[in-house]
Amino acid sequence: MTKRHAGGAGVSPARHGALLAAIIAVIVLFSTAIYVGVSTDDGGEPASPAKGNTPRNSAAPASTGTWVGSWSASPAGAEPGTETNGMAGRSVRNVVHAGVGGKSARITLSNLYGQQPLTITHATLAVAAAPGAAAAAADSMRRLTFAGGGTVVIPPGRQALSDAVRITVPRGGDVLVTTYSPTPSGPVTYHSQARQISYTAEGDRAEDVTGTAYTSQTPYWRYLTALDVLSNEADGTVVVIGDSLTDGVTSTVGANRRWTDVLSDRLREAAGSGDVPRYSVVNQGISGNQVLASGLGRPAENPSGLSRFQRDVLGRTNVRAVVVDLGVNDILRNPNRADPDRIVFGLRKLVRQAHARGLRVVGATLMPFQGHRGYSDNREAVRQAVNAHIRAGRVYDDVVDFDKALRDPYNPRRLRSDYDSGDHLHPSDKGYRKMGHSFDLGSLKGSAPARL
C-alpha cells in the first residue's frame, strides 16, 4: 500500500494525509480496547473480563465447580530462530494433557520474552480426537476471547488470561490450544522440553478440526503457559517447581510419564479418601533450573527458582500446596565448589514466600548422580550436606525422599540401574514412576505450620 501511494497513483497529498490520520486514529482506538485484560507476567491476575461483545462460537462458563490448574508450563526462554518474525502467518497448535477434567476452561498466553507486542487475532480450544493428535474431537472446537474480544495484543513482558468457555474437558485427555498471529512479534516465548509433540500450520487454521493442515511438528510449547478448568474433581492445585527431573527429560515423549503425572494420577484415584486431599497437579519444572542463579538476557533465560517463584508458583490458580525439587543444578553448574549453606538458604527463602501465603511446602531430597559427567567427590559432599538439612526438617514442612527411593542400595552415590535413563542423572520411565509413588499423599494436606 505504501509503495503505491509513494508512486502518486492518482492520490492527492491532502487526501493521502487525511486518510492516514483516520487510519492512525482507528488503530489507537482499537489498540486501547484490546489491551484490556492483559497483565504483567509476574503472576498477577489480569483485569476482569469485560462483558458483552462476544464473538460467534464463544460460550458462557458453567456456574458450578472450582477453578483449578489442569496443566501448566513455565516460560523458559526465547525460541532460537524466532527473533525477527516470531510465528507470523502461522497457526500454533499446542497439545497439552489435562490432569483433571472440567466443564469450562480458560488459558494463559505469555509474551514474557517478546521484544515487541504479540498480536493474536484468532485463538481456539478443543479436545484432541486422540492422544497427541492434531485433529479435534467432534463438536469440541471453541473460539476463545479476551475481555470479550476475539483479538488480543500482549505487550512485551506481559501475559493475557482468556475468557472462560464452556467445554467438557475429560480428565486424562489431551487438549488443543491454537493461536494465530498475522504479524511479526519478535522472539517466541516457549518451553523447550515439552516431552510432547505439538503442531504448526501455514495461515489461519485456528478452527481447523481435521488437523490435516498441521504438517509441521515441534517438541516445544509456544506462548501457552496454563490451562485452567472449572472442575468438580478438585478443590485446589498443587504446584511443583523443579528442574529437568521435574520437567521429565528422558521420559517417553507423548506418554505423560513424568513423576508429576504419576502423582496427579494417584491423587485423582485416591481423592477424598482418608487424609488424601482433592488436588490437581501442575508442573513448573524448567530443565537446567537452579535455586539461586538465572541464565543470561533480559528477562533472564531459565530464571532462577527464587526469581520466578512468585509468577510460576504463587501466581497459579487456587494454589493449596507447593512441592520443591531444586538444588542439583546449583551443584552441577557451579564451576567451583558449591556452598551447601547458600543452597539451603535459597530453599528456605522459597518456603518463607509460600508460608506468607499460608501454603504448605513439601520438599525433595537431591538424587545421586555418580557416573554423570559432572560428578565429583566434592559435589557429592555438597549433595549429602543439603540432604542432611532437608532430612533434619530444617527446610520444608514435609519431605519426599527421592534419594532414598531411587539410589542403588549397593552404591548410594548412583541411581539404581533400572531407575537410570542411562545418563546417570535423569530417571527412566520406571524411575519417574517410583518417584511419583514414593510420595505420601497425605503430606500435601493442610496449611503452613504456625511457626513462620
Protein backbone atom coordinates (compact mmCIF):
# COMPACT_ATOMS: atom_id res chain seq x y z
CA MET A 1 0.00 0.00 0.00
CA THR A 2 2.76 2.45 0.97
CA LYS A 3 4.64 1.72 -2.23
CA ARG A 4 1.64 2.52 -4.46
CA HIS A 5 0.97 5.81 -2.64
CA ALA A 6 4.61 6.81 -2.95
CA GLY A 7 4.24 6.49 -6.72
CA GLY A 8 1.44 9.09 -6.68
CA ALA A 9 -1.14 6.82 -8.36
CA GLY A 10 -3.89 9.49 -8.55
CA VAL A 11 -3.99 10.31 -4.78
CA SER A 12 -3.57 13.95 -3.82
CA PRO A 13 -1.33 14.84 -0.82
CA ALA A 14 -4.30 16.31 1.05
CA ARG A 15 -6.46 13.21 0.63
CA HIS A 16 -3.48 11.00 1.48
CA GLY A 17 -2.84 12.89 4.70
CA ALA A 18 -6.48 12.78 5.77
CA LEU A 19 -6.71 9.08 5.07
CA LEU A 20 -3.53 8.38 7.03
CA ALA A 21 -4.76 10.37 10.02
CA ALA A 22 -8.04 8.46 10.04
CA ILE A 23 -6.25 5.10 9.93
CA ILE A 24 -3.96 6.08 12.83
CA ALA A 25 -6.95 7.18 14.92
CA VAL A 26 -8.68 3.84 14.36
CA ILE A 27 -5.54 1.89 15.25
CA VAL A 28 -5.07 3.84 18.50
CA LEU A 29 -8.71 3.36 19.50
CA PHE A 30 -8.61 -0.37 18.68
CA SER A 31 -5.32 -0.95 20.48
CA THR A 32 -6.62 0.76 23.61
CA ALA A 33 -9.60 -1.58 23.68
CA ILE A 34 -7.74 -4.84 23.14
CA TYR A 35 -5.07 -4.19 25.76
CA VAL A 36 -7.78 -4.68 28.41
CA GLY A 37 -7.32 -7.96 30.26
CA VAL A 38 -3.53 -8.09 29.86
CA SER A 39 -1.28 -8.28 32.93
CA THR A 40 2.39 -8.23 33.69
CA ASP A 41 3.89 -11.72 33.51
CA ASP A 42 4.72 -11.78 37.21
CA GLY A 43 1.83 -13.90 38.38
CA GLY A 44 -0.60 -11.04 38.90
CA GLU A 45 -4.21 -11.57 37.89
CA PRO A 46 -5.24 -9.91 34.63
CA ALA A 47 -8.08 -7.42 34.66
CA SER A 48 -11.55 -8.88 34.93
CA PRO A 49 -13.02 -9.76 31.51
CA ALA A 50 -15.40 -7.16 30.14
CA LYS A 51 -18.97 -8.15 29.47
CA GLY A 52 -20.61 -8.22 26.08
CA ASN A 53 -19.05 -8.03 22.60
CA THR A 54 -18.80 -11.82 22.46
CA PRO A 55 -17.99 -13.24 19.01
CA ARG A 56 -19.64 -16.24 17.42
CA ASN A 57 -18.70 -19.66 18.80
CA SER A 58 -17.93 -18.41 22.31
CA ALA A 59 -19.82 -19.95 25.19
CA ALA A 60 -20.72 -18.89 28.71
CA PRO A 61 -18.93 -20.73 31.53
CA ALA A 62 -20.70 -23.26 33.72
CA SER A 63 -21.71 -21.85 37.09
CA THR A 64 -20.61 -24.61 39.49
CA GLY A 65 -17.25 -26.06 40.42
CA THR A 66 -13.85 -24.75 41.45
CA TRP A 67 -11.22 -23.16 39.22
CA VAL A 68 -8.02 -25.24 39.39
CA GLY A 69 -4.93 -25.75 37.27
CA SER A 70 -5.29 -28.67 34.86
CA TRP A 71 -1.95 -28.12 33.09
CA SER A 72 0.82 -25.55 33.05
CA ALA A 73 4.37 -24.96 31.84
CA SER A 74 6.81 -22.25 32.85
CA PRO A 75 8.05 -19.80 30.22
CA ALA A 76 11.71 -20.79 29.94
CA GLY A 77 13.19 -18.52 27.29
CA ALA A 78 13.07 -17.13 23.75
CA GLU A 79 12.90 -19.71 20.99
CA PRO A 80 16.02 -19.60 18.79
CA GLY A 81 15.39 -18.53 15.21
CA THR A 82 12.26 -16.52 16.00
CA GLU A 83 13.97 -13.24 16.84
CA THR A 84 12.58 -11.35 13.84
CA ASN A 85 9.26 -12.79 12.70
CA GLY A 86 8.10 -14.88 15.64
CA MET A 87 5.36 -17.15 14.29
CA ALA A 88 3.85 -14.56 11.94
CA GLY A 89 1.41 -16.03 9.44
CA ARG A 90 1.30 -19.42 11.13
CA SER A 91 -1.10 -21.20 13.44
CA VAL A 92 0.43 -22.75 16.56
CA ARG A 93 -1.45 -25.78 17.89
CA ASN A 94 -0.19 -26.76 21.35
CA VAL A 95 -1.09 -30.23 22.61
CA VAL A 96 -1.38 -30.42 26.41
CA HIS A 97 -2.54 -33.12 28.82
CA ALA A 98 -5.41 -32.33 31.20
CA GLY A 99 -4.62 -33.54 34.70
CA VAL A 100 -8.20 -33.02 35.82
CA GLY A 101 -11.40 -32.51 33.87
CA GLY A 102 -13.95 -29.74 33.98
CA LYS A 103 -16.99 -28.15 32.36
CA SER A 104 -15.35 -24.83 31.46
CA ALA A 105 -11.80 -23.80 30.60
CA ARG A 106 -9.55 -20.79 30.14
CA ILE A 107 -5.93 -20.31 29.10
CA THR A 108 -2.98 -18.02 29.79
CA LEU A 109 -0.71 -16.79 26.98
CA SER A 110 2.70 -15.26 27.65
CA ASN A 111 4.87 -12.78 25.76
CA LEU A 112 7.47 -12.70 28.52
CA TYR A 113 10.43 -12.93 26.13
CA GLY A 114 8.94 -10.91 23.29
CA GLN A 115 10.62 -7.68 22.25
CA GLN A 116 7.50 -6.25 20.64
CA PRO A 117 3.73 -6.70 21.06
CA LEU A 118 2.29 -10.12 20.26
CA THR A 119 -0.98 -9.83 18.34
CA ILE A 120 -3.26 -12.87 18.50
CA THR A 121 -6.23 -12.43 16.16
CA HIS A 122 -7.67 -15.93 16.48
CA ALA A 123 -7.43 -18.46 19.33
CA THR A 124 -9.31 -21.69 19.90
CA LEU A 125 -9.56 -24.53 22.37
CA ALA A 126 -10.67 -28.10 21.58
CA VAL A 127 -10.40 -31.65 22.86
CA ALA A 128 -8.00 -33.76 20.81
CA ALA A 129 -9.63 -36.53 18.77
CA ALA A 130 -6.95 -38.96 20.00
CA PRO A 131 -3.91 -38.74 22.30
CA GLY A 132 -1.33 -36.49 20.70
CA ALA A 133 -3.43 -35.85 17.59
CA ALA A 134 -3.73 -32.51 15.79
CA ALA A 135 -7.36 -33.25 14.94
CA ALA A 136 -10.16 -32.11 17.23
CA ALA A 137 -12.94 -34.26 18.63
CA ALA A 138 -16.35 -33.67 17.07
CA ASP A 139 -18.22 -30.58 18.32
CA SER A 140 -15.45 -29.64 20.76
CA MET A 141 -13.94 -26.64 18.94
CA ARG A 142 -14.42 -23.36 20.84
CA ARG A 143 -13.33 -19.87 19.84
CA LEU A 144 -11.55 -18.06 22.67
CA THR A 145 -11.99 -14.41 23.56
CA PHE A 146 -10.04 -11.97 25.71
CA ALA A 147 -12.07 -9.39 27.64
CA GLY A 148 -14.89 -10.11 25.21
CA GLY A 149 -12.91 -9.57 22.01
CA GLY A 150 -11.53 -12.03 19.51
CA THR A 151 -8.18 -10.23 19.24
CA VAL A 152 -5.66 -9.55 21.98
CA VAL A 153 -2.38 -7.64 21.89
CA ILE A 154 0.08 -8.77 24.57
CA PRO A 155 2.88 -6.26 25.22
CA PRO A 156 6.46 -7.50 25.77
CA GLY A 157 6.90 -8.98 29.23
CA ARG A 158 3.16 -9.44 29.76
CA GLN A 159 0.62 -12.25 29.78
CA ALA A 160 -3.09 -12.49 28.96
CA LEU A 161 -5.86 -14.59 30.51
CA SER A 162 -8.67 -15.64 28.19
CA ASP A 163 -12.35 -15.56 28.98
CA ALA A 164 -13.82 -18.87 30.11
CA VAL A 165 -15.62 -21.05 27.58
CA ARG A 166 -17.97 -23.91 28.27
CA ILE A 167 -16.39 -27.17 27.14
CA THR A 168 -16.20 -30.66 28.60
CA VAL A 169 -12.52 -31.31 29.25
CA PRO A 170 -12.03 -35.00 30.05
CA ARG A 171 -9.59 -35.87 32.82
CA GLY A 172 -6.53 -37.52 31.37
CA GLY A 173 -7.39 -36.29 27.87
CA ASP A 174 -5.36 -34.14 25.51
CA VAL A 175 -6.43 -30.59 24.75
CA LEU A 176 -5.58 -28.49 21.67
CA VAL A 177 -4.90 -24.78 22.17
CA THR A 178 -4.37 -22.94 18.90
CA THR A 179 -3.27 -19.35 18.29
CA TYR A 180 -2.79 -17.38 15.10
CA SER A 181 -0.68 -14.25 14.81
CA PRO A 182 -0.65 -12.37 11.48
CA THR A 183 2.24 -10.01 12.26
CA PRO A 184 5.89 -10.34 13.33
CA SER A 185 6.25 -10.31 17.10
CA GLY A 186 9.92 -10.97 17.74
CA PRO A 187 11.16 -13.81 19.97
CA VAL A 188 8.63 -16.51 20.79
CA THR A 189 8.20 -17.28 24.48
CA TYR A 190 8.48 -21.05 24.74
CA HIS A 191 9.04 -24.12 26.89
CA SER A 192 11.68 -26.26 25.21
CA GLN A 193 11.33 -29.60 26.99
CA ALA A 194 7.66 -30.36 26.44
CA ARG A 195 8.08 -34.14 26.01
CA GLN A 196 5.01 -33.72 23.84
CA ILE A 197 4.64 -33.15 20.10
CA SER A 198 2.69 -30.05 19.06
CA TYR A 199 2.00 -28.66 15.59
CA THR A 200 2.08 -25.64 13.30
CA ALA A 201 0.24 -24.80 10.07
CA GLU A 202 0.59 -22.08 7.46
CA GLY A 203 -2.10 -19.41 7.56
CA ASP A 204 -5.03 -19.02 9.93
CA ARG A 205 -6.08 -22.59 10.68
CA ALA A 206 -7.18 -21.98 14.26
CA GLU A 207 -10.59 -23.57 13.69
CA ASP A 208 -9.34 -26.43 11.51
CA VAL A 209 -10.98 -29.51 13.03
CA THR A 210 -9.36 -32.12 10.78
CA GLY A 211 -5.76 -31.25 11.66
CA THR A 212 -4.64 -32.02 8.10
CA ALA A 213 -3.11 -28.55 7.68
CA TYR A 214 -0.82 -29.14 10.65
CA THR A 215 2.04 -30.72 8.77
CA SER A 216 4.89 -29.30 10.88
CA GLN A 217 5.71 -30.84 14.25
CA THR A 218 7.54 -29.25 17.16
CA PRO A 219 8.85 -30.50 20.53
CA TYR A 220 8.04 -27.12 22.12
CA TRP A 221 5.11 -25.42 23.79
CA ARG A 222 4.79 -21.87 22.47
CA TYR A 223 3.09 -18.89 24.17
CA LEU A 224 0.77 -21.12 26.24
CA THR A 225 1.59 -21.30 29.95
CA ALA A 226 -1.62 -22.52 31.64
CA LEU A 227 -4.90 -24.34 31.16
CA ASP A 228 -7.39 -23.90 33.99
CA VAL A 229 -10.69 -25.75 34.32
CA LEU A 230 -13.83 -25.22 36.33
CA SER A 231 -13.93 -28.62 37.97
CA ASN A 232 -15.84 -30.76 40.41
CA GLU A 233 -12.89 -33.16 40.62
CA ALA A 234 -10.51 -30.97 42.65
CA ASP A 235 -10.65 -28.35 45.37
CA GLY A 236 -7.27 -26.79 44.70
CA THR A 237 -3.94 -27.03 42.92
CA VAL A 238 -0.56 -28.47 43.89
CA VAL A 239 2.24 -26.58 42.13
CA VAL A 240 5.55 -28.38 41.62
CA ILE A 241 8.63 -26.25 40.95
CA GLY A 242 11.75 -28.05 39.79
CA ASP A 243 14.42 -28.64 37.16
CA SER A 244 14.83 -31.27 34.41
CA LEU A 245 13.93 -34.05 36.84
CA THR A 246 10.51 -32.43 37.21
CA ASP A 247 10.36 -31.35 33.56
CA GLY A 248 10.53 -35.06 32.73
CA VAL A 249 13.60 -35.06 30.49
CA THR A 250 14.28 -38.64 29.27
CA SER A 251 10.67 -39.71 29.89
CA THR A 252 8.85 -41.15 26.86
CA VAL A 253 7.59 -38.40 24.55
CA GLY A 254 3.80 -38.15 24.45
CA ALA A 255 3.28 -40.75 27.17
CA ASN A 256 2.88 -38.40 30.18
CA ARG A 257 5.29 -40.38 32.36
CA ARG A 258 6.85 -37.55 34.32
CA TRP A 259 6.77 -38.14 38.07
CA THR A 260 4.28 -35.29 38.40
CA ASP A 261 1.92 -37.16 36.04
CA VAL A 262 2.15 -40.19 38.31
CA LEU A 263 1.45 -38.03 41.36
CA SER A 264 -1.54 -36.47 39.59
CA ASP A 265 -2.98 -39.90 38.74
CA ARG A 266 -2.54 -41.11 42.31
CA LEU A 267 -4.25 -38.05 43.78
CA ARG A 268 -7.16 -38.41 41.37
CA GLU A 269 -7.61 -42.11 42.12
CA ALA A 270 -7.47 -41.64 45.90
CA ALA A 271 -9.16 -38.23 46.10
CA GLY A 272 -11.12 -37.68 49.28
CA SER A 273 -10.20 -40.98 50.92
CA GLY A 274 -8.58 -40.75 54.34
CA ASP A 275 -6.15 -37.84 54.51
CA VAL A 276 -5.80 -37.51 50.74
CA PRO A 277 -6.80 -34.03 49.51
CA ARG A 278 -8.72 -33.39 46.27
CA TYR A 279 -5.98 -31.57 44.38
CA SER A 280 -4.83 -31.23 40.80
CA VAL A 281 -1.11 -31.07 39.99
CA VAL A 282 0.66 -28.64 37.66
CA ASN A 283 4.30 -28.93 36.59
CA GLN A 284 6.53 -25.85 36.72
CA GLY A 285 9.81 -27.58 36.00
CA ILE A 286 12.45 -25.97 33.78
CA SER A 287 15.38 -28.03 32.57
CA GLY A 288 18.67 -26.76 33.98
CA ASN A 289 16.91 -24.66 36.61
CA GLN A 290 18.74 -23.54 39.74
CA VAL A 291 17.59 -22.17 43.07
CA LEU A 292 20.00 -19.24 43.06
CA ALA A 293 21.30 -18.41 39.57
CA SER A 294 19.49 -17.34 36.41
CA GLY A 295 20.63 -17.53 32.82
CA LEU A 296 21.63 -14.62 30.61
CA GLY A 297 19.46 -11.97 28.99
CA ARG A 298 16.75 -9.50 29.97
CA PRO A 299 14.48 -11.01 31.03
CA ALA A 300 16.78 -13.85 32.03
CA GLU A 301 16.54 -17.13 30.19
CA ASN A 302 15.90 -20.01 32.61
CA PRO A 303 15.14 -17.72 35.56
CA SER A 304 16.16 -18.97 38.99
CA GLY A 305 13.69 -20.59 41.35
CA LEU A 306 13.88 -17.53 43.57
CA SER A 307 13.18 -15.06 40.77
CA ARG A 308 10.26 -17.00 39.25
CA PHE A 309 8.56 -18.31 42.39
CA GLN A 310 6.00 -15.50 42.56
CA ARG A 311 4.91 -15.92 38.94
CA ASP A 312 5.27 -19.67 38.38
CA VAL A 313 4.07 -20.91 41.77
CA LEU A 314 2.14 -18.32 43.74
CA GLY A 315 0.60 -16.94 40.54
CA ARG A 316 -1.04 -20.21 39.55
CA THR A 317 -4.76 -20.78 40.05
CA ASN A 318 -6.09 -21.72 43.50
CA VAL A 319 -2.77 -22.95 44.91
CA ARG A 320 -3.16 -25.10 48.03
CA ALA A 321 0.26 -26.76 48.36
CA VAL A 322 3.77 -26.45 46.91
CA VAL A 323 6.38 -29.11 46.09
CA VAL A 324 10.02 -28.09 45.58
CA ASP A 325 12.57 -30.28 43.79
CA LEU A 326 15.53 -27.98 43.16
CA GLY A 327 19.23 -27.88 44.03
CA VAL A 328 21.04 -30.40 41.84
CA ASN A 329 21.92 -27.83 39.16
CA ASP A 330 23.24 -25.41 41.77
CA ILE A 331 25.78 -28.16 42.48
CA LEU A 332 26.46 -29.38 38.94
CA ARG A 333 26.71 -25.95 37.28
CA ASN A 334 28.94 -24.29 39.83
CA PRO A 335 32.48 -24.09 38.42
CA ASN A 336 33.89 -24.11 41.93
CA ARG A 337 32.65 -26.00 44.97
CA ALA A 338 29.00 -25.07 45.56
CA ASP A 339 28.15 -23.84 49.03
CA PRO A 340 25.51 -26.11 50.62
CA ASP A 341 24.56 -23.40 53.11
CA ARG A 342 23.75 -20.95 50.29
CA ILE A 343 21.62 -23.56 48.53
CA VAL A 344 19.73 -24.33 51.75
CA PHE A 345 19.31 -20.60 52.42
CA GLY A 346 17.75 -20.20 48.95
CA LEU A 347 15.39 -23.12 49.51
CA ARG A 348 14.30 -21.64 52.83
CA LYS A 349 13.51 -18.35 51.09
CA LEU A 350 11.16 -20.21 48.76
CA VAL A 351 9.46 -21.78 51.76
CA ARG A 352 9.07 -18.44 53.51
CA GLN A 353 7.36 -16.99 50.43
CA ALA A 354 4.92 -19.90 50.40
CA HIS A 355 4.32 -19.66 54.15
CA ALA A 356 3.48 -15.97 53.77
CA ARG A 357 0.56 -17.16 51.64
CA GLY A 358 -0.39 -19.86 54.17
CA LEU A 359 0.80 -22.66 51.87
CA ARG A 360 2.29 -25.96 52.96
CA VAL A 361 5.60 -26.94 51.31
CA VAL A 362 6.87 -30.46 50.67
CA GLY A 363 10.49 -30.68 49.55
CA ALA A 364 12.51 -33.40 47.83
CA THR A 365 15.94 -34.71 48.67
CA LEU A 366 18.52 -34.48 45.90
CA MET A 367 19.05 -37.71 43.99
CA PRO A 368 22.51 -39.23 43.31
CA PHE A 369 24.43 -38.70 40.05
CA GLN A 370 27.67 -40.69 40.23
CA GLY A 371 28.64 -41.71 36.69
CA HIS A 372 27.34 -38.46 35.22
CA ARG A 373 29.98 -36.28 33.56
CA GLY A 374 29.51 -33.61 36.24
CA TYR A 375 30.15 -35.92 39.17
CA SER A 376 32.99 -35.33 41.64
CA ASP A 377 33.56 -36.30 45.25
CA ASN A 378 33.33 -32.63 46.26
CA ARG A 379 29.96 -32.25 44.58
CA GLU A 380 28.74 -35.44 46.19
CA ALA A 381 29.70 -33.99 49.58
CA VAL A 382 27.60 -30.89 48.85
CA ARG A 383 24.63 -33.06 47.86
CA GLN A 384 24.91 -35.03 51.09
CA ALA A 385 25.11 -31.83 53.14
CA VAL A 386 22.00 -30.36 51.53
CA ASN A 387 20.11 -33.62 52.03
CA ALA A 388 21.13 -33.72 55.70
CA HIS A 389 19.49 -30.31 56.23
CA ILE A 390 16.36 -31.42 54.37
CA ARG A 391 16.00 -34.71 56.26
CA ALA A 392 16.55 -32.97 59.59
CA GLY A 393 13.41 -30.90 58.98
CA ARG A 394 15.31 -27.63 58.75
CA VAL A 395 13.99 -26.64 55.32
CA TYR A 396 10.49 -27.96 54.46
CA ASP A 397 7.24 -28.80 56.23
CA ASP A 398 7.49 -32.38 54.98
CA VAL A 399 9.93 -34.38 52.89
CA VAL A 400 9.68 -36.77 49.96
CA ASP A 401 12.92 -38.77 49.92
CA PHE A 402 13.64 -39.26 46.21
CA ASP A 403 17.27 -40.01 47.04
CA LYS A 404 16.38 -42.97 49.22
CA ALA A 405 13.73 -44.20 46.77
CA LEU A 406 15.97 -44.30 43.67
CA ARG A 407 19.54 -44.81 44.83
CA ASP A 408 21.42 -48.05 44.36
CA PRO A 409 21.39 -49.86 47.72
CA TYR A 410 24.89 -51.23 46.98
CA ASN A 411 26.26 -47.83 45.91
CA PRO A 412 24.17 -44.94 47.30
CA ARG A 413 26.10 -42.42 45.22
CA ARG A 414 24.43 -43.55 41.99
CA LEU A 415 20.93 -44.35 40.73
CA ARG A 416 19.73 -47.92 40.77
CA SER A 417 20.37 -49.28 37.27
CA ASP A 418 16.73 -49.91 36.34
CA TYR A 419 15.79 -46.41 37.55
CA ASP A 420 18.57 -44.82 35.46
CA SER A 421 17.83 -43.50 31.94
CA GLY A 422 21.46 -44.14 31.07
CA ASP A 423 22.94 -40.70 31.68
CA HIS A 424 23.25 -41.38 35.45
CA LEU A 425 21.32 -38.22 36.32
CA HIS A 426 17.82 -38.47 34.87
CA PRO A 427 15.49 -41.38 35.67
CA SER A 428 13.97 -43.85 33.27
CA ASP A 429 10.18 -44.13 32.96
CA LYS A 430 10.38 -46.69 35.74
CA GLY A 431 12.39 -44.30 37.85
CA TYR A 432 9.91 -41.47 37.35
CA ARG A 433 7.13 -43.84 38.32
CA LYS A 434 9.00 -44.72 41.50
CA MET A 435 9.34 -41.03 42.33
CA GLY A 436 5.60 -40.49 41.94
CA HIS A 437 4.83 -43.49 44.12
CA SER A 438 7.28 -42.52 46.87
CA PHE A 439 5.06 -39.55 47.73
CA ASP A 440 2.92 -39.62 50.88
CA LEU A 441 -0.28 -38.08 49.51
CA GLY A 442 -1.37 -37.02 52.97
CA SER A 443 1.71 -34.78 53.29
CA LEU A 444 0.08 -32.33 50.89
CA LYS A 445 -2.89 -31.71 53.14
CA GLY A 446 -3.14 -28.74 55.46
CA SER A 447 -1.78 -25.23 55.53
CA ALA A 448 1.53 -23.76 56.58
CA PRO A 449 2.53 -24.53 60.19
CA ALA A 450 2.18 -21.88 62.87
CA ARG A 451 5.95 -21.40 63.04
CA LEU A 452 6.75 -18.93 60.27
